[in-house]
Amino acid sequence: MKWNLRLTAANKGIWKASELQRSLAEHGLVISAGKMSGLWSGQPVSLKLEDLDVICVVLGCEIGDLLIPEPENVRRPGQQADVQEATTGSLVAPVVPKRRDGRSLPPM
C-alpha cells in the first residue's frame, strides 16, 4: 500500500502538517508532533482504524484516497526472485536459518 496523505491534504487546500494536526485535534484526534511528522512525510508504521475515520472526515475523503493499492509488490508463489528483482533492481539472497554454532539446520 502507498500512503497518500500529503497529496490528499493538498487537494483539500491543506499544505502544512501543523494545519492538519490542528484540524484533527478539533475532531478529537490529538497526535504528537513526531507521529504527525511520520504521517505527513512517510509511511505510517501503524494507524488505528478510528484514526483513519477522523482523517477521512477532516479531509472529506474516502479511504481509497489515502491508501493506494500496489498489487505488483505482492509476492506470488514461484515468483519470489522476479518480484524482488522488479522492485529493487537486483536479486536478494534468501535468508537461510542457522544454528547458534553457525551450522546449517537440517532440511525439513
N, C-alpha and C. Protein backbone atom coordinates (compact mmCIF):
# COMPACT_ATOMS: atom_id res chain seq x y z
N MET A 1 0.83 -1.19 0.00
CA MET A 1 0.00 0.00 0.00
C MET A 1 0.87 1.25 0.00
N LYS A 2 0.43 2.21 -0.72
CA LYS A 2 1.11 3.50 -0.74
C LYS A 2 0.29 4.49 0.09
N TRP A 3 0.92 5.19 1.00
CA TRP A 3 0.27 6.18 1.85
C TRP A 3 0.24 7.50 1.11
N ASN A 4 -0.94 8.08 0.95
CA ASN A 4 -1.13 9.23 0.09
C ASN A 4 -1.72 10.43 0.85
N LEU A 5 -1.36 10.60 2.10
CA LEU A 5 -1.94 11.66 2.93
C LEU A 5 -1.60 13.05 2.41
N ARG A 6 -0.36 13.28 2.09
CA ARG A 6 0.08 14.62 1.72
C ARG A 6 -0.64 15.15 0.47
N LEU A 7 -0.75 14.31 -0.54
CA LEU A 7 -1.43 14.73 -1.77
C LEU A 7 -2.93 14.92 -1.52
N THR A 8 -3.52 14.03 -0.74
CA THR A 8 -4.94 14.15 -0.42
C THR A 8 -5.21 15.45 0.33
N ALA A 9 -4.34 15.76 1.30
CA ALA A 9 -4.49 17.01 2.05
C ALA A 9 -4.32 18.22 1.13
N ALA A 10 -3.34 18.17 0.24
CA ALA A 10 -3.10 19.29 -0.68
C ALA A 10 -4.31 19.51 -1.58
N ASN A 11 -4.94 18.44 -2.01
CA ASN A 11 -6.14 18.55 -2.83
C ASN A 11 -7.29 19.23 -2.09
N LYS A 12 -7.22 19.22 -0.76
CA LYS A 12 -8.25 19.87 0.07
C LYS A 12 -7.78 21.23 0.58
N GLY A 13 -6.62 21.70 0.10
CA GLY A 13 -6.11 23.02 0.48
C GLY A 13 -5.32 23.04 1.77
N ILE A 14 -4.91 21.88 2.26
CA ILE A 14 -4.09 21.82 3.47
C ILE A 14 -2.66 21.55 3.04
N TRP A 15 -1.78 22.53 3.29
CA TRP A 15 -0.41 22.45 2.79
C TRP A 15 0.62 22.18 3.88
N LYS A 16 0.24 22.26 5.14
CA LYS A 16 1.19 22.07 6.23
C LYS A 16 0.68 21.01 7.19
N ALA A 17 1.62 20.22 7.72
CA ALA A 17 1.27 19.18 8.68
C ALA A 17 0.62 19.78 9.92
N SER A 18 1.10 20.94 10.34
CA SER A 18 0.55 21.57 11.54
C SER A 18 -0.92 21.98 11.34
N GLU A 19 -1.27 22.37 10.13
CA GLU A 19 -2.67 22.70 9.80
C GLU A 19 -3.56 21.48 9.98
N LEU A 20 -3.11 20.37 9.42
CA LEU A 20 -3.87 19.14 9.53
C LEU A 20 -3.93 18.68 10.99
N GLN A 21 -2.82 18.80 11.69
CA GLN A 21 -2.76 18.40 13.09
C GLN A 21 -3.80 19.16 13.92
N ARG A 22 -3.92 20.47 13.69
CA ARG A 22 -4.92 21.28 14.40
C ARG A 22 -6.33 20.83 14.07
N SER A 23 -6.60 20.58 12.80
CA SER A 23 -7.94 20.14 12.39
C SER A 23 -8.29 18.79 13.00
N LEU A 24 -7.32 17.90 13.04
CA LEU A 24 -7.56 16.58 13.64
C LEU A 24 -7.86 16.72 15.13
N ALA A 25 -7.11 17.59 15.82
CA ALA A 25 -7.35 17.82 17.25
C ALA A 25 -8.74 18.38 17.50
N GLU A 26 -9.22 19.25 16.62
CA GLU A 26 -10.57 19.80 16.75
C GLU A 26 -11.65 18.71 16.63
N HIS A 27 -11.29 17.61 15.99
CA HIS A 27 -12.22 16.49 15.84
C HIS A 27 -11.92 15.37 16.84
N GLY A 28 -11.07 15.65 17.83
CA GLY A 28 -10.82 14.69 18.90
C GLY A 28 -9.63 13.79 18.72
N LEU A 29 -8.87 13.96 17.65
CA LEU A 29 -7.69 13.13 17.43
C LEU A 29 -6.44 13.96 17.67
N VAL A 30 -5.85 13.78 18.86
CA VAL A 30 -4.64 14.52 19.22
C VAL A 30 -3.44 13.65 18.86
N ILE A 31 -2.60 14.18 18.00
CA ILE A 31 -1.43 13.45 17.50
C ILE A 31 -0.18 14.23 17.89
N SER A 32 0.82 13.51 18.40
CA SER A 32 2.09 14.16 18.76
C SER A 32 2.77 14.69 17.50
N ALA A 33 3.67 15.64 17.70
CA ALA A 33 4.40 16.22 16.56
C ALA A 33 5.20 15.15 15.82
N GLY A 34 5.79 14.24 16.57
CA GLY A 34 6.59 13.17 15.94
C GLY A 34 5.75 12.25 15.09
N LYS A 35 4.60 11.82 15.62
CA LYS A 35 3.73 10.94 14.85
C LYS A 35 3.15 11.68 13.65
N MET A 36 2.81 12.96 13.83
CA MET A 36 2.28 13.75 12.72
C MET A 36 3.31 13.88 11.62
N SER A 37 4.56 14.07 11.99
CA SER A 37 5.64 14.16 11.01
C SER A 37 5.74 12.86 10.21
N GLY A 38 5.62 11.72 10.89
CA GLY A 38 5.67 10.44 10.21
C GLY A 38 4.49 10.23 9.27
N LEU A 39 3.31 10.65 9.71
CA LEU A 39 2.13 10.53 8.85
C LEU A 39 2.25 11.42 7.62
N TRP A 40 2.79 12.61 7.83
CA TRP A 40 2.86 13.61 6.76
C TRP A 40 3.93 13.29 5.73
N SER A 41 5.09 12.85 6.20
CA SER A 41 6.23 12.73 5.28
C SER A 41 6.62 11.30 4.95
N GLY A 42 5.96 10.33 5.53
CA GLY A 42 6.37 8.96 5.24
C GLY A 42 5.21 8.00 5.25
N GLN A 43 5.54 6.76 5.43
CA GLN A 43 4.57 5.68 5.51
C GLN A 43 4.37 5.34 6.98
N PRO A 44 3.15 5.42 7.51
CA PRO A 44 2.95 5.14 8.93
C PRO A 44 3.25 3.69 9.26
N VAL A 45 3.87 3.47 10.42
CA VAL A 45 4.15 2.11 10.86
C VAL A 45 2.85 1.44 11.30
N SER A 46 2.04 2.18 12.02
CA SER A 46 0.73 1.68 12.43
C SER A 46 -0.23 2.85 12.55
N LEU A 47 -1.50 2.55 12.36
CA LEU A 47 -2.53 3.58 12.43
C LEU A 47 -3.84 2.90 12.78
N LYS A 48 -4.54 3.41 13.78
CA LYS A 48 -5.80 2.83 14.20
C LYS A 48 -6.88 3.14 13.16
N LEU A 49 -7.80 2.21 13.00
CA LEU A 49 -8.90 2.42 12.06
C LEU A 49 -9.74 3.62 12.46
N GLU A 50 -9.90 3.84 13.76
CA GLU A 50 -10.65 5.00 14.23
C GLU A 50 -9.96 6.30 13.81
N ASP A 51 -8.62 6.29 13.84
CA ASP A 51 -7.86 7.47 13.41
C ASP A 51 -8.06 7.72 11.92
N LEU A 52 -8.11 6.66 11.14
CA LEU A 52 -8.36 6.81 9.70
C LEU A 52 -9.74 7.43 9.46
N ASP A 53 -10.71 7.04 10.27
CA ASP A 53 -12.05 7.65 10.16
C ASP A 53 -11.99 9.16 10.35
N VAL A 54 -11.26 9.59 11.38
CA VAL A 54 -11.16 11.03 11.67
C VAL A 54 -10.43 11.74 10.54
N ILE A 55 -9.36 11.15 10.05
CA ILE A 55 -8.60 11.76 8.95
C ILE A 55 -9.50 11.92 7.73
N CYS A 56 -10.28 10.89 7.43
CA CYS A 56 -11.19 10.96 6.27
C CYS A 56 -12.25 12.04 6.45
N VAL A 57 -12.78 12.18 7.67
CA VAL A 57 -13.78 13.22 7.92
C VAL A 57 -13.17 14.60 7.75
N VAL A 58 -11.99 14.80 8.35
CA VAL A 58 -11.33 16.11 8.28
C VAL A 58 -11.00 16.48 6.84
N LEU A 59 -10.53 15.51 6.06
CA LEU A 59 -10.13 15.80 4.68
C LEU A 59 -11.29 15.66 3.69
N GLY A 60 -12.42 15.16 4.17
CA GLY A 60 -13.55 14.97 3.28
C GLY A 60 -13.22 14.00 2.16
N CYS A 61 -12.55 12.91 2.52
CA CYS A 61 -12.10 11.97 1.51
C CYS A 61 -12.55 10.55 1.86
N GLU A 62 -12.27 9.64 0.97
CA GLU A 62 -12.52 8.22 1.18
C GLU A 62 -11.20 7.54 1.51
N ILE A 63 -11.28 6.36 2.10
CA ILE A 63 -10.08 5.61 2.47
C ILE A 63 -9.21 5.32 1.24
N GLY A 64 -9.84 5.14 0.09
CA GLY A 64 -9.10 4.89 -1.15
C GLY A 64 -8.28 6.07 -1.62
N ASP A 65 -8.58 7.26 -1.10
CA ASP A 65 -7.77 8.43 -1.42
C ASP A 65 -6.47 8.42 -0.62
N LEU A 66 -6.51 7.80 0.56
CA LEU A 66 -5.34 7.77 1.44
C LEU A 66 -4.45 6.56 1.21
N LEU A 67 -5.06 5.43 0.87
CA LEU A 67 -4.32 4.18 0.70
C LEU A 67 -4.45 3.71 -0.74
N ILE A 68 -3.35 3.69 -1.46
CA ILE A 68 -3.34 3.29 -2.86
C ILE A 68 -2.76 1.88 -2.95
N PRO A 69 -3.54 0.91 -3.44
CA PRO A 69 -3.03 -0.47 -3.55
C PRO A 69 -1.85 -0.56 -4.51
N GLU A 70 -0.91 -1.43 -4.19
CA GLU A 70 0.24 -1.71 -5.05
C GLU A 70 0.37 -3.23 -5.20
N PRO A 71 -0.56 -3.86 -5.94
CA PRO A 71 -0.55 -5.32 -6.04
C PRO A 71 0.72 -5.89 -6.66
N GLU A 72 1.43 -5.08 -7.41
CA GLU A 72 2.68 -5.57 -8.02
C GLU A 72 3.75 -5.87 -6.98
N ASN A 73 3.59 -5.38 -5.76
CA ASN A 73 4.56 -5.63 -4.70
C ASN A 73 4.26 -6.89 -3.91
N VAL A 74 3.18 -7.58 -4.24
CA VAL A 74 2.80 -8.80 -3.52
C VAL A 74 3.58 -9.97 -4.10
N ARG A 75 4.22 -10.72 -3.21
CA ARG A 75 4.99 -11.88 -3.62
C ARG A 75 4.03 -13.02 -3.94
N ARG A 76 4.19 -13.62 -5.11
CA ARG A 76 3.35 -14.72 -5.53
C ARG A 76 4.18 -16.00 -5.54
N PRO A 77 3.55 -17.15 -5.31
CA PRO A 77 4.29 -18.41 -5.32
C PRO A 77 5.04 -18.60 -6.64
N GLY A 78 6.30 -18.97 -6.54
CA GLY A 78 7.12 -19.22 -7.72
C GLY A 78 7.68 -17.97 -8.37
N GLN A 79 7.37 -16.80 -7.85
CA GLN A 79 7.85 -15.56 -8.45
C GLN A 79 8.67 -14.73 -7.47
N GLN A 80 9.16 -15.34 -6.42
CA GLN A 80 9.87 -14.58 -5.39
C GLN A 80 11.04 -13.79 -5.97
N ALA A 81 11.89 -14.41 -6.74
CA ALA A 81 13.05 -13.72 -7.28
C ALA A 81 12.63 -12.62 -8.25
N ASP A 82 11.61 -12.89 -9.08
CA ASP A 82 11.15 -11.90 -10.05
C ASP A 82 10.63 -10.65 -9.35
N VAL A 83 9.83 -10.81 -8.29
CA VAL A 83 9.26 -9.67 -7.58
C VAL A 83 10.38 -8.85 -6.94
N GLN A 84 11.33 -9.52 -6.30
CA GLN A 84 12.43 -8.79 -5.67
C GLN A 84 13.25 -8.06 -6.71
N GLU A 85 13.51 -8.69 -7.83
CA GLU A 85 14.30 -8.05 -8.87
C GLU A 85 13.56 -6.86 -9.46
N ALA A 86 12.26 -7.01 -9.65
CA ALA A 86 11.47 -5.93 -10.24
C ALA A 86 11.38 -4.73 -9.30
N THR A 87 11.30 -4.96 -7.99
CA THR A 87 11.13 -3.85 -7.06
C THR A 87 12.44 -3.23 -6.62
N THR A 88 13.51 -4.03 -6.55
CA THR A 88 14.78 -3.48 -6.07
C THR A 88 15.82 -3.32 -7.17
N GLY A 89 15.58 -3.96 -8.29
CA GLY A 89 16.54 -3.87 -9.38
C GLY A 89 17.66 -4.90 -9.27
N SER A 90 17.67 -5.71 -8.20
CA SER A 90 18.69 -6.75 -8.06
C SER A 90 18.11 -7.91 -7.27
N LEU A 91 18.71 -9.05 -7.43
CA LEU A 91 18.27 -10.21 -6.67
C LEU A 91 18.80 -10.12 -5.25
N VAL A 92 17.97 -10.56 -4.32
CA VAL A 92 18.35 -10.57 -2.91
C VAL A 92 18.51 -12.01 -2.49
N ALA A 93 19.60 -12.33 -1.84
CA ALA A 93 19.84 -13.70 -1.40
C ALA A 93 18.82 -14.09 -0.35
N PRO A 94 18.31 -15.33 -0.43
CA PRO A 94 17.34 -15.77 0.57
C PRO A 94 18.00 -15.91 1.94
N VAL A 95 17.22 -15.75 2.97
CA VAL A 95 17.70 -15.92 4.34
C VAL A 95 17.70 -17.40 4.66
N VAL A 96 18.84 -17.90 5.11
CA VAL A 96 18.96 -19.30 5.48
C VAL A 96 19.19 -19.38 6.98
N PRO A 97 18.23 -19.96 7.73
CA PRO A 97 18.42 -20.05 9.17
C PRO A 97 19.59 -20.94 9.53
N LYS A 98 20.32 -20.55 10.56
CA LYS A 98 21.45 -21.34 11.04
C LYS A 98 21.35 -21.51 12.54
N ARG A 99 21.99 -22.52 13.01
CA ARG A 99 22.04 -22.75 14.44
C ARG A 99 22.98 -21.74 15.07
N ARG A 100 22.91 -21.63 16.39
CA ARG A 100 23.78 -20.67 17.09
C ARG A 100 25.26 -20.96 16.90
N ASP A 101 25.59 -22.23 16.69
CA ASP A 101 27.01 -22.56 16.49
C ASP A 101 27.45 -22.35 15.05
N GLY A 102 26.55 -21.81 14.19
CA GLY A 102 26.91 -21.46 12.82
C GLY A 102 26.61 -22.50 11.79
N ARG A 103 26.29 -23.73 12.22
CA ARG A 103 25.99 -24.79 11.26
C ARG A 103 24.58 -24.63 10.72
N SER A 104 24.36 -25.10 9.49
CA SER A 104 23.04 -25.03 8.89
C SER A 104 22.10 -25.98 9.57
N LEU A 105 20.82 -25.64 9.56
CA LEU A 105 19.80 -26.52 10.10
C LEU A 105 19.56 -27.65 9.11
N PRO A 106 19.12 -28.83 9.61
CA PRO A 106 18.81 -29.93 8.67
C PRO A 106 17.59 -29.57 7.84
N PRO A 107 17.50 -30.09 6.61
CA PRO A 107 16.34 -29.80 5.76
C PRO A 107 15.06 -30.31 6.41
N MET A 108 13.97 -29.62 6.15
CA MET A 108 12.68 -30.01 6.73
C MET A 108 11.96 -30.94 5.83
